[in-house]
Amino acid sequence: MSEPSRPRRQRAPLTATQRALALLTRREHSRKELTRKLASRGVETTEIEAAVARLAGEGWQDDGRFAESLVRSRVGSGYGPRHIRAELGTHGLDAGTIASAMASFDGDWTDVARDLVRRRFGEDGPTGQAQLRKAAELLIRRGFDGDTIRIATRVAPEEAGD
């Protein structure tokens, strides 16, 4: 025979601060993103504002840290500065925070573009006009500028003046 089921203990509903903290322990969030997610979970606006302000004051939420984390993540995925800057703007970050986060990247955008081209087209890079066009279109979609695209799509790095 099976054991009689025990009544489940009712949990107290999470506060806005607890919900926000649960989101922040998974990954960084911008203030705007955190506010939107809490609102979608039915949390009252005044509670959201208080919770986000408290967590920001205690250092749990930081737009600058979020922005730098997003830059590192997107660079690692092969995105260029135009794409990243635009994405940071969608998170409600001010121009100073965006500029600081972009400046935190100390690598070379051409190297990022070259790595992406190598991953997609192999070590020898794109061969033939059709592949060169596809490589250039990929880099445009990923947010790289024209000069970077021209250098990154050259087959041999020595052609780029390295």
N, C-alpha and C. Protein backbone atom coordinates (compact mmCIF):
# COMPACT_ATOMS: atom_id res chain seq x y z
N MET A 1 0.81 -1.19 0.00
CA MET A 1 0.00 0.00 0.00
C MET A 1 0.85 1.25 0.00
N SER A 2 0.33 2.27 -0.63
CA SER A 2 1.10 3.51 -0.69
C SER A 2 0.85 4.34 0.56
N GLU A 3 1.84 5.16 0.85
CA GLU A 3 1.72 6.02 2.03
C GLU A 3 0.68 7.10 1.77
N PRO A 4 0.01 7.50 2.80
CA PRO A 4 -0.95 8.60 2.60
C PRO A 4 -0.19 9.88 2.24
N SER A 5 -0.73 10.60 1.33
CA SER A 5 -0.04 11.82 0.90
C SER A 5 -0.13 12.88 1.99
N ARG A 6 0.99 13.54 2.14
CA ARG A 6 1.04 14.62 3.13
C ARG A 6 0.59 15.91 2.46
N PRO A 7 -0.08 16.73 3.19
CA PRO A 7 -0.49 18.01 2.59
C PRO A 7 0.76 18.85 2.28
N ARG A 8 0.76 19.44 1.12
CA ARG A 8 1.89 20.29 0.75
C ARG A 8 1.84 21.59 1.52
N ARG A 9 3.02 21.98 1.91
CA ARG A 9 3.13 23.23 2.64
C ARG A 9 3.06 24.39 1.66
N GLN A 10 2.21 25.31 1.90
CA GLN A 10 2.06 26.47 1.02
C GLN A 10 3.24 27.41 1.23
N ARG A 11 3.86 27.78 0.12
CA ARG A 11 4.95 28.74 0.19
C ARG A 11 4.37 30.14 0.14
N ALA A 12 5.03 31.02 0.85
CA ALA A 12 4.63 32.42 0.80
C ALA A 12 5.03 32.96 -0.57
N PRO A 13 4.21 33.80 -1.17
CA PRO A 13 4.58 34.35 -2.48
C PRO A 13 5.88 35.16 -2.37
N LEU A 14 6.67 35.09 -3.42
CA LEU A 14 7.94 35.82 -3.43
C LEU A 14 7.70 37.32 -3.51
N THR A 15 8.55 38.06 -2.83
CA THR A 15 8.47 39.52 -2.92
C THR A 15 9.10 39.96 -4.23
N ALA A 16 8.90 41.21 -4.59
CA ALA A 16 9.48 41.75 -5.82
C ALA A 16 11.01 41.68 -5.74
N THR A 17 11.57 41.94 -4.60
CA THR A 17 13.03 41.89 -4.42
C THR A 17 13.53 40.46 -4.60
N GLN A 18 12.81 39.49 -4.03
CA GLN A 18 13.22 38.09 -4.17
C GLN A 18 13.14 37.64 -5.62
N ARG A 19 12.10 38.05 -6.32
CA ARG A 19 11.97 37.69 -7.73
C ARG A 19 13.09 38.31 -8.57
N ALA A 20 13.37 39.58 -8.31
CA ALA A 20 14.44 40.26 -9.04
C ALA A 20 15.79 39.62 -8.75
N LEU A 21 16.04 39.29 -7.50
CA LEU A 21 17.30 38.66 -7.12
C LEU A 21 17.44 37.29 -7.77
N ALA A 22 16.35 36.55 -7.87
CA ALA A 22 16.38 35.25 -8.54
C ALA A 22 16.78 35.41 -10.00
N LEU A 23 16.28 36.45 -10.66
CA LEU A 23 16.67 36.71 -12.05
C LEU A 23 18.15 37.10 -12.15
N LEU A 24 18.60 37.92 -11.20
CA LEU A 24 19.98 38.40 -11.25
C LEU A 24 21.00 37.33 -10.90
N THR A 25 20.59 36.30 -10.17
CA THR A 25 21.55 35.24 -9.85
C THR A 25 21.81 34.35 -11.07
N ARG A 26 20.92 34.38 -12.05
CA ARG A 26 21.11 33.59 -13.26
C ARG A 26 22.06 34.28 -14.24
N ARG A 27 21.88 35.60 -14.41
CA ARG A 27 22.72 36.40 -15.29
C ARG A 27 22.48 37.87 -15.01
N GLU A 28 23.36 38.71 -15.55
CA GLU A 28 23.19 40.16 -15.41
C GLU A 28 21.95 40.62 -16.18
N HIS A 29 21.27 41.62 -15.67
CA HIS A 29 20.12 42.22 -16.34
C HIS A 29 20.26 43.74 -16.27
N SER A 30 19.81 44.43 -17.31
CA SER A 30 19.75 45.89 -17.24
C SER A 30 18.56 46.26 -16.35
N ARG A 31 18.57 47.48 -15.90
CA ARG A 31 17.46 47.98 -15.08
C ARG A 31 16.14 47.86 -15.84
N LYS A 32 16.17 48.25 -17.12
CA LYS A 32 14.95 48.21 -17.95
C LYS A 32 14.46 46.77 -18.12
N GLU A 33 15.38 45.85 -18.40
CA GLU A 33 15.02 44.46 -18.60
C GLU A 33 14.44 43.84 -17.33
N LEU A 34 15.06 44.14 -16.20
CA LEU A 34 14.59 43.62 -14.92
C LEU A 34 13.18 44.16 -14.61
N THR A 35 12.98 45.43 -14.87
CA THR A 35 11.67 46.04 -14.65
C THR A 35 10.61 45.38 -15.52
N ARG A 36 10.94 45.17 -16.80
CA ARG A 36 9.99 44.54 -17.73
C ARG A 36 9.64 43.13 -17.30
N LYS A 37 10.63 42.35 -16.89
CA LYS A 37 10.38 40.97 -16.49
C LYS A 37 9.52 40.90 -15.23
N LEU A 38 9.78 41.76 -14.28
CA LEU A 38 8.96 41.76 -13.06
C LEU A 38 7.52 42.18 -13.38
N ALA A 39 7.35 43.16 -14.25
CA ALA A 39 6.01 43.61 -14.63
C ALA A 39 5.25 42.48 -15.33
N SER A 40 5.95 41.71 -16.16
CA SER A 40 5.28 40.61 -16.86
C SER A 40 4.86 39.50 -15.90
N ARG A 41 5.44 39.49 -14.71
CA ARG A 41 5.07 38.50 -13.70
C ARG A 41 4.01 39.04 -12.73
N GLY A 42 3.45 40.20 -13.07
CA GLY A 42 2.34 40.74 -12.30
C GLY A 42 2.73 41.54 -11.06
N VAL A 43 3.98 41.94 -10.96
CA VAL A 43 4.42 42.73 -9.82
C VAL A 43 4.01 44.18 -10.03
N GLU A 44 3.56 44.82 -8.96
CA GLU A 44 3.11 46.21 -9.02
C GLU A 44 4.29 47.15 -9.32
N THR A 45 4.00 48.22 -10.05
CA THR A 45 5.03 49.17 -10.47
C THR A 45 5.81 49.76 -9.30
N THR A 46 5.11 50.13 -8.24
CA THR A 46 5.80 50.73 -7.09
C THR A 46 6.73 49.71 -6.42
N GLU A 47 6.30 48.46 -6.35
CA GLU A 47 7.15 47.42 -5.78
C GLU A 47 8.37 47.17 -6.66
N ILE A 48 8.16 47.19 -7.97
CA ILE A 48 9.27 46.99 -8.91
C ILE A 48 10.31 48.08 -8.73
N GLU A 49 9.86 49.33 -8.73
CA GLU A 49 10.79 50.45 -8.61
C GLU A 49 11.59 50.36 -7.31
N ALA A 50 10.92 50.02 -6.22
CA ALA A 50 11.61 49.91 -4.93
C ALA A 50 12.61 48.75 -4.94
N ALA A 51 12.21 47.62 -5.49
CA ALA A 51 13.08 46.45 -5.51
C ALA A 51 14.31 46.69 -6.37
N VAL A 52 14.11 47.24 -7.56
CA VAL A 52 15.23 47.48 -8.46
C VAL A 52 16.17 48.53 -7.87
N ALA A 53 15.62 49.58 -7.28
CA ALA A 53 16.45 50.61 -6.65
C ALA A 53 17.27 50.02 -5.49
N ARG A 54 16.64 49.17 -4.70
CA ARG A 54 17.34 48.55 -3.58
C ARG A 54 18.49 47.66 -4.07
N LEU A 55 18.20 46.81 -5.06
CA LEU A 55 19.22 45.91 -5.57
C LEU A 55 20.35 46.66 -6.27
N ALA A 56 20.02 47.75 -6.94
CA ALA A 56 21.06 48.56 -7.57
C ALA A 56 21.92 49.22 -6.48
N GLY A 57 21.27 49.70 -5.43
CA GLY A 57 21.99 50.33 -4.33
C GLY A 57 22.92 49.38 -3.60
N GLU A 58 22.53 48.12 -3.55
CA GLU A 58 23.35 47.11 -2.87
C GLU A 58 24.36 46.44 -3.81
N GLY A 59 24.36 46.85 -5.08
CA GLY A 59 25.33 46.33 -6.03
C GLY A 59 24.94 45.05 -6.74
N TRP A 60 23.72 44.59 -6.53
CA TRP A 60 23.27 43.38 -7.21
C TRP A 60 22.94 43.65 -8.67
N GLN A 61 22.43 44.83 -8.95
CA GLN A 61 22.10 45.21 -10.32
C GLN A 61 22.94 46.42 -10.67
N ASP A 62 23.63 46.34 -11.82
CA ASP A 62 24.49 47.44 -12.25
C ASP A 62 24.45 47.50 -13.77
N ASP A 63 23.95 48.60 -14.32
CA ASP A 63 23.84 48.72 -15.78
C ASP A 63 25.21 48.68 -16.45
N GLY A 64 26.22 49.25 -15.84
CA GLY A 64 27.56 49.23 -16.41
C GLY A 64 28.12 47.82 -16.49
N ARG A 65 27.94 47.07 -15.42
CA ARG A 65 28.41 45.68 -15.40
C ARG A 65 27.64 44.84 -16.42
N PHE A 66 26.32 45.08 -16.50
CA PHE A 66 25.50 44.39 -17.49
C PHE A 66 26.01 44.67 -18.90
N ALA A 67 26.27 45.95 -19.19
CA ALA A 67 26.70 46.35 -20.53
C ALA A 67 28.04 45.70 -20.88
N GLU A 68 28.99 45.70 -19.96
CA GLU A 68 30.29 45.08 -20.23
C GLU A 68 30.14 43.58 -20.45
N SER A 69 29.26 42.95 -19.69
CA SER A 69 29.01 41.52 -19.86
C SER A 69 28.42 41.23 -21.23
N LEU A 70 27.48 42.07 -21.66
CA LEU A 70 26.87 41.88 -22.97
C LEU A 70 27.89 42.08 -24.09
N VAL A 71 28.76 43.07 -23.93
CA VAL A 71 29.80 43.29 -24.95
C VAL A 71 30.69 42.06 -25.07
N ARG A 72 31.17 41.53 -23.93
CA ARG A 72 32.02 40.33 -23.95
C ARG A 72 31.31 39.16 -24.62
N SER A 73 30.05 38.98 -24.28
CA SER A 73 29.27 37.87 -24.82
C SER A 73 29.10 37.99 -26.33
N ARG A 74 28.73 39.18 -26.80
CA ARG A 74 28.49 39.37 -28.23
C ARG A 74 29.78 39.32 -29.04
N VAL A 75 30.87 39.86 -28.51
CA VAL A 75 32.16 39.76 -29.20
C VAL A 75 32.54 38.29 -29.35
N GLY A 76 32.34 37.52 -28.29
CA GLY A 76 32.65 36.09 -28.34
C GLY A 76 31.81 35.34 -29.35
N SER A 77 30.64 35.87 -29.66
CA SER A 77 29.75 35.24 -30.64
C SER A 77 29.98 35.78 -32.05
N GLY A 78 30.94 36.70 -32.21
CA GLY A 78 31.27 37.20 -33.53
C GLY A 78 30.47 38.40 -34.00
N TYR A 79 29.96 39.21 -33.08
CA TYR A 79 29.22 40.41 -33.48
C TYR A 79 30.14 41.62 -33.47
N GLY A 80 29.83 42.57 -34.33
CA GLY A 80 30.64 43.77 -34.48
C GLY A 80 30.11 44.93 -33.65
N PRO A 81 30.85 46.04 -33.67
CA PRO A 81 30.52 47.17 -32.80
C PRO A 81 29.17 47.82 -33.10
N ARG A 82 28.77 47.88 -34.35
CA ARG A 82 27.48 48.51 -34.67
C ARG A 82 26.32 47.70 -34.09
N HIS A 83 26.37 46.40 -34.25
CA HIS A 83 25.31 45.54 -33.72
C HIS A 83 25.26 45.63 -32.19
N ILE A 84 26.41 45.55 -31.56
CA ILE A 84 26.48 45.56 -30.10
C ILE A 84 25.97 46.89 -29.55
N ARG A 85 26.42 47.99 -30.16
CA ARG A 85 25.98 49.31 -29.70
C ARG A 85 24.46 49.44 -29.82
N ALA A 86 23.91 48.96 -30.92
CA ALA A 86 22.45 49.03 -31.12
C ALA A 86 21.73 48.17 -30.08
N GLU A 87 22.26 46.98 -29.81
CA GLU A 87 21.62 46.12 -28.82
C GLU A 87 21.67 46.74 -27.42
N LEU A 88 22.79 47.35 -27.08
CA LEU A 88 22.88 48.03 -25.78
C LEU A 88 21.83 49.13 -25.67
N GLY A 89 21.58 49.82 -26.78
CA GLY A 89 20.56 50.87 -26.78
C GLY A 89 19.17 50.35 -26.50
N THR A 90 18.89 49.12 -26.94
CA THR A 90 17.56 48.55 -26.70
C THR A 90 17.32 48.22 -25.23
N HIS A 91 18.38 48.19 -24.44
CA HIS A 91 18.26 47.88 -23.02
C HIS A 91 18.09 49.13 -22.16
N GLY A 92 17.88 50.27 -22.81
CA GLY A 92 17.61 51.50 -22.08
C GLY A 92 18.83 52.09 -21.40
N LEU A 93 20.01 51.79 -21.91
CA LEU A 93 21.23 52.31 -21.31
C LEU A 93 21.55 53.68 -21.88
N ASP A 94 22.12 54.54 -21.05
CA ASP A 94 22.46 55.88 -21.53
C ASP A 94 23.74 55.84 -22.36
N ALA A 95 23.98 56.91 -23.10
CA ALA A 95 25.12 56.98 -24.02
C ALA A 95 26.45 56.78 -23.31
N GLY A 96 26.59 57.31 -22.11
CA GLY A 96 27.83 57.17 -21.36
C GLY A 96 28.11 55.72 -20.97
N THR A 97 27.08 55.01 -20.55
CA THR A 97 27.24 53.60 -20.18
C THR A 97 27.60 52.78 -21.40
N ILE A 98 26.95 53.07 -22.53
CA ILE A 98 27.25 52.35 -23.77
C ILE A 98 28.69 52.62 -24.21
N ALA A 99 29.10 53.88 -24.19
CA ALA A 99 30.46 54.23 -24.60
C ALA A 99 31.49 53.56 -23.69
N SER A 100 31.24 53.55 -22.41
CA SER A 100 32.16 52.92 -21.46
C SER A 100 32.26 51.42 -21.69
N ALA A 101 31.12 50.78 -21.94
CA ALA A 101 31.12 49.33 -22.19
C ALA A 101 31.85 49.00 -23.48
N MET A 102 31.63 49.81 -24.51
CA MET A 102 32.31 49.57 -25.78
C MET A 102 33.82 49.79 -25.63
N ALA A 103 34.21 50.76 -24.82
CA ALA A 103 35.62 51.02 -24.58
C ALA A 103 36.27 49.90 -23.76
N SER A 104 35.45 49.14 -23.03
CA SER A 104 36.00 48.05 -22.22
C SER A 104 36.53 46.91 -23.08
N PHE A 105 36.11 46.86 -24.36
CA PHE A 105 36.63 45.85 -25.27
C PHE A 105 38.00 46.31 -25.74
N ASP A 106 39.03 45.57 -25.38
CA ASP A 106 40.38 46.00 -25.72
C ASP A 106 40.98 45.17 -26.86
N GLY A 107 40.14 44.41 -27.55
CA GLY A 107 40.61 43.61 -28.67
C GLY A 107 40.58 44.40 -29.96
N ASP A 108 40.69 43.68 -31.06
CA ASP A 108 40.70 44.28 -32.39
C ASP A 108 39.48 43.77 -33.14
N TRP A 109 38.65 44.71 -33.62
CA TRP A 109 37.43 44.33 -34.32
C TRP A 109 37.74 43.56 -35.60
N THR A 110 38.86 43.87 -36.24
CA THR A 110 39.23 43.14 -37.45
C THR A 110 39.52 41.68 -37.12
N ASP A 111 40.16 41.43 -36.00
CA ASP A 111 40.43 40.05 -35.58
C ASP A 111 39.13 39.29 -35.31
N VAL A 112 38.17 39.97 -34.70
CA VAL A 112 36.87 39.34 -34.43
C VAL A 112 36.21 38.96 -35.75
N ALA A 113 36.24 39.88 -36.71
CA ALA A 113 35.64 39.62 -38.03
C ALA A 113 36.37 38.49 -38.75
N ARG A 114 37.70 38.51 -38.71
CA ARG A 114 38.47 37.43 -39.35
C ARG A 114 38.14 36.07 -38.73
N ASP A 115 38.05 36.03 -37.41
CA ASP A 115 37.72 34.76 -36.74
C ASP A 115 36.37 34.24 -37.20
N LEU A 116 35.40 35.14 -37.32
CA LEU A 116 34.07 34.73 -37.77
C LEU A 116 34.14 34.19 -39.20
N VAL A 117 34.87 34.86 -40.06
CA VAL A 117 35.00 34.41 -41.45
C VAL A 117 35.67 33.04 -41.48
N ARG A 118 36.73 32.84 -40.67
CA ARG A 118 37.41 31.53 -40.63
C ARG A 118 36.47 30.43 -40.15
N ARG A 119 35.67 30.75 -39.14
CA ARG A 119 34.74 29.73 -38.62
C ARG A 119 33.73 29.33 -39.68
N ARG A 120 33.29 30.28 -40.47
CA ARG A 120 32.26 30.01 -41.48
C ARG A 120 32.81 29.45 -42.78
N PHE A 121 34.01 29.88 -43.18
CA PHE A 121 34.52 29.52 -44.49
C PHE A 121 35.81 28.71 -44.46
N GLY A 122 36.26 28.33 -43.28
CA GLY A 122 37.48 27.54 -43.17
C GLY A 122 38.72 28.40 -43.08
N GLU A 123 39.84 27.77 -42.80
CA GLU A 123 41.10 28.48 -42.62
C GLU A 123 41.54 29.28 -43.85
N ASP A 124 41.21 28.78 -45.04
CA ASP A 124 41.61 29.47 -46.26
C ASP A 124 40.72 30.67 -46.57
N GLY A 125 39.64 30.83 -45.83
CA GLY A 125 38.74 31.95 -46.05
C GLY A 125 37.85 31.73 -47.26
N PRO A 126 37.07 32.74 -47.60
CA PRO A 126 36.17 32.62 -48.75
C PRO A 126 36.96 32.56 -50.06
N THR A 127 36.53 31.67 -50.92
CA THR A 127 37.17 31.56 -52.24
C THR A 127 36.11 31.84 -53.30
N GLY A 128 36.46 32.62 -54.26
CA GLY A 128 35.51 32.95 -55.32
C GLY A 128 34.63 34.12 -54.94
N GLN A 129 34.09 34.75 -55.95
CA GLN A 129 33.26 35.95 -55.74
C GLN A 129 32.00 35.67 -54.94
N ALA A 130 31.37 34.52 -55.16
CA ALA A 130 30.13 34.21 -54.45
C ALA A 130 30.39 34.10 -52.94
N GLN A 131 31.46 33.41 -52.56
CA GLN A 131 31.77 33.28 -51.13
C GLN A 131 32.23 34.61 -50.53
N LEU A 132 32.97 35.39 -51.28
CA LEU A 132 33.37 36.71 -50.79
C LEU A 132 32.15 37.57 -50.50
N ARG A 133 31.17 37.53 -51.42
CA ARG A 133 29.94 38.29 -51.22
C ARG A 133 29.20 37.79 -49.98
N LYS A 134 29.12 36.47 -49.83
CA LYS A 134 28.44 35.90 -48.65
C LYS A 134 29.16 36.29 -47.36
N ALA A 135 30.47 36.26 -47.39
CA ALA A 135 31.25 36.64 -46.20
C ALA A 135 31.00 38.11 -45.85
N ALA A 136 31.01 38.97 -46.88
CA ALA A 136 30.77 40.39 -46.65
C ALA A 136 29.36 40.63 -46.11
N GLU A 137 28.38 39.94 -46.66
CA GLU A 137 26.99 40.08 -46.20
C GLU A 137 26.85 39.62 -44.74
N LEU A 138 27.54 38.54 -44.40
CA LEU A 138 27.53 38.05 -43.02
C LEU A 138 28.09 39.12 -42.08
N LEU A 139 29.21 39.69 -42.45
CA LEU A 139 29.84 40.70 -41.59
C LEU A 139 29.00 41.97 -41.48
N ILE A 140 28.32 42.32 -42.56
CA ILE A 140 27.42 43.48 -42.50
C ILE A 140 26.29 43.20 -41.51
N ARG A 141 25.68 42.02 -41.63
CA ARG A 141 24.58 41.65 -40.70
C ARG A 141 25.06 41.62 -39.26
N ARG A 142 26.30 41.25 -39.06
CA ARG A 142 26.85 41.15 -37.71
C ARG A 142 27.31 42.49 -37.14
N GLY A 143 27.27 43.55 -37.96
CA GLY A 143 27.55 44.88 -37.43
C GLY A 143 28.97 45.39 -37.58
N PHE A 144 29.68 44.95 -38.62
CA PHE A 144 31.03 45.44 -38.86
C PHE A 144 30.99 46.53 -39.93
N ASP A 145 31.97 47.45 -39.89
CA ASP A 145 32.01 48.53 -40.87
C ASP A 145 32.73 48.08 -42.14
N GLY A 146 32.64 48.91 -43.16
CA GLY A 146 33.17 48.57 -44.48
C GLY A 146 34.66 48.28 -44.50
N ASP A 147 35.46 49.09 -43.81
CA ASP A 147 36.92 48.87 -43.80
C ASP A 147 37.25 47.52 -43.16
N THR A 148 36.61 47.22 -42.06
CA THR A 148 36.84 45.95 -41.38
C THR A 148 36.45 44.78 -42.28
N ILE A 149 35.34 44.92 -42.97
CA ILE A 149 34.86 43.87 -43.87
C ILE A 149 35.86 43.63 -45.00
N ARG A 150 36.36 44.71 -45.59
CA ARG A 150 37.33 44.57 -46.68
C ARG A 150 38.58 43.84 -46.21
N ILE A 151 39.08 44.17 -45.04
CA ILE A 151 40.29 43.53 -44.52
C ILE A 151 40.02 42.08 -44.14
N ALA A 152 38.90 41.84 -43.47
CA ALA A 152 38.61 40.49 -42.95
C ALA A 152 38.30 39.48 -44.04
N THR A 153 37.83 39.94 -45.19
CA THR A 153 37.48 39.00 -46.25
C THR A 153 38.64 38.72 -47.20
N ARG A 154 39.77 39.34 -46.97
CA ARG A 154 40.96 39.02 -47.77
C ARG A 154 41.42 37.64 -47.37
N VAL A 155 41.85 36.87 -48.33
CA VAL A 155 42.20 35.49 -48.08
C VAL A 155 43.42 35.36 -47.19
N ALA A 156 44.48 36.04 -47.49
CA ALA A 156 45.72 35.95 -46.71
C ALA A 156 45.88 37.19 -45.85
N PRO A 157 46.18 37.01 -44.55
CA PRO A 157 46.33 38.17 -43.68
C PRO A 157 47.40 39.15 -44.15
N GLU A 158 48.46 38.65 -44.83
CA GLU A 158 49.51 39.56 -45.27
C GLU A 158 49.00 40.56 -46.30
N GLU A 159 47.89 40.22 -46.99
CA GLU A 159 47.29 41.17 -47.92
C GLU A 159 46.69 42.36 -47.19
N ALA A 160 46.36 42.16 -45.94
CA ALA A 160 45.72 43.21 -45.16
C ALA A 160 46.74 44.18 -44.57
N GLY A 161 48.01 43.93 -44.83
CA GLY A 161 49.03 44.83 -44.31
C GLY A 161 49.52 44.43 -42.95
N ASP A 162 49.32 43.17 -42.57
CA ASP A 162 49.79 42.68 -41.27
C ASP A 162 51.26 42.35 -41.31
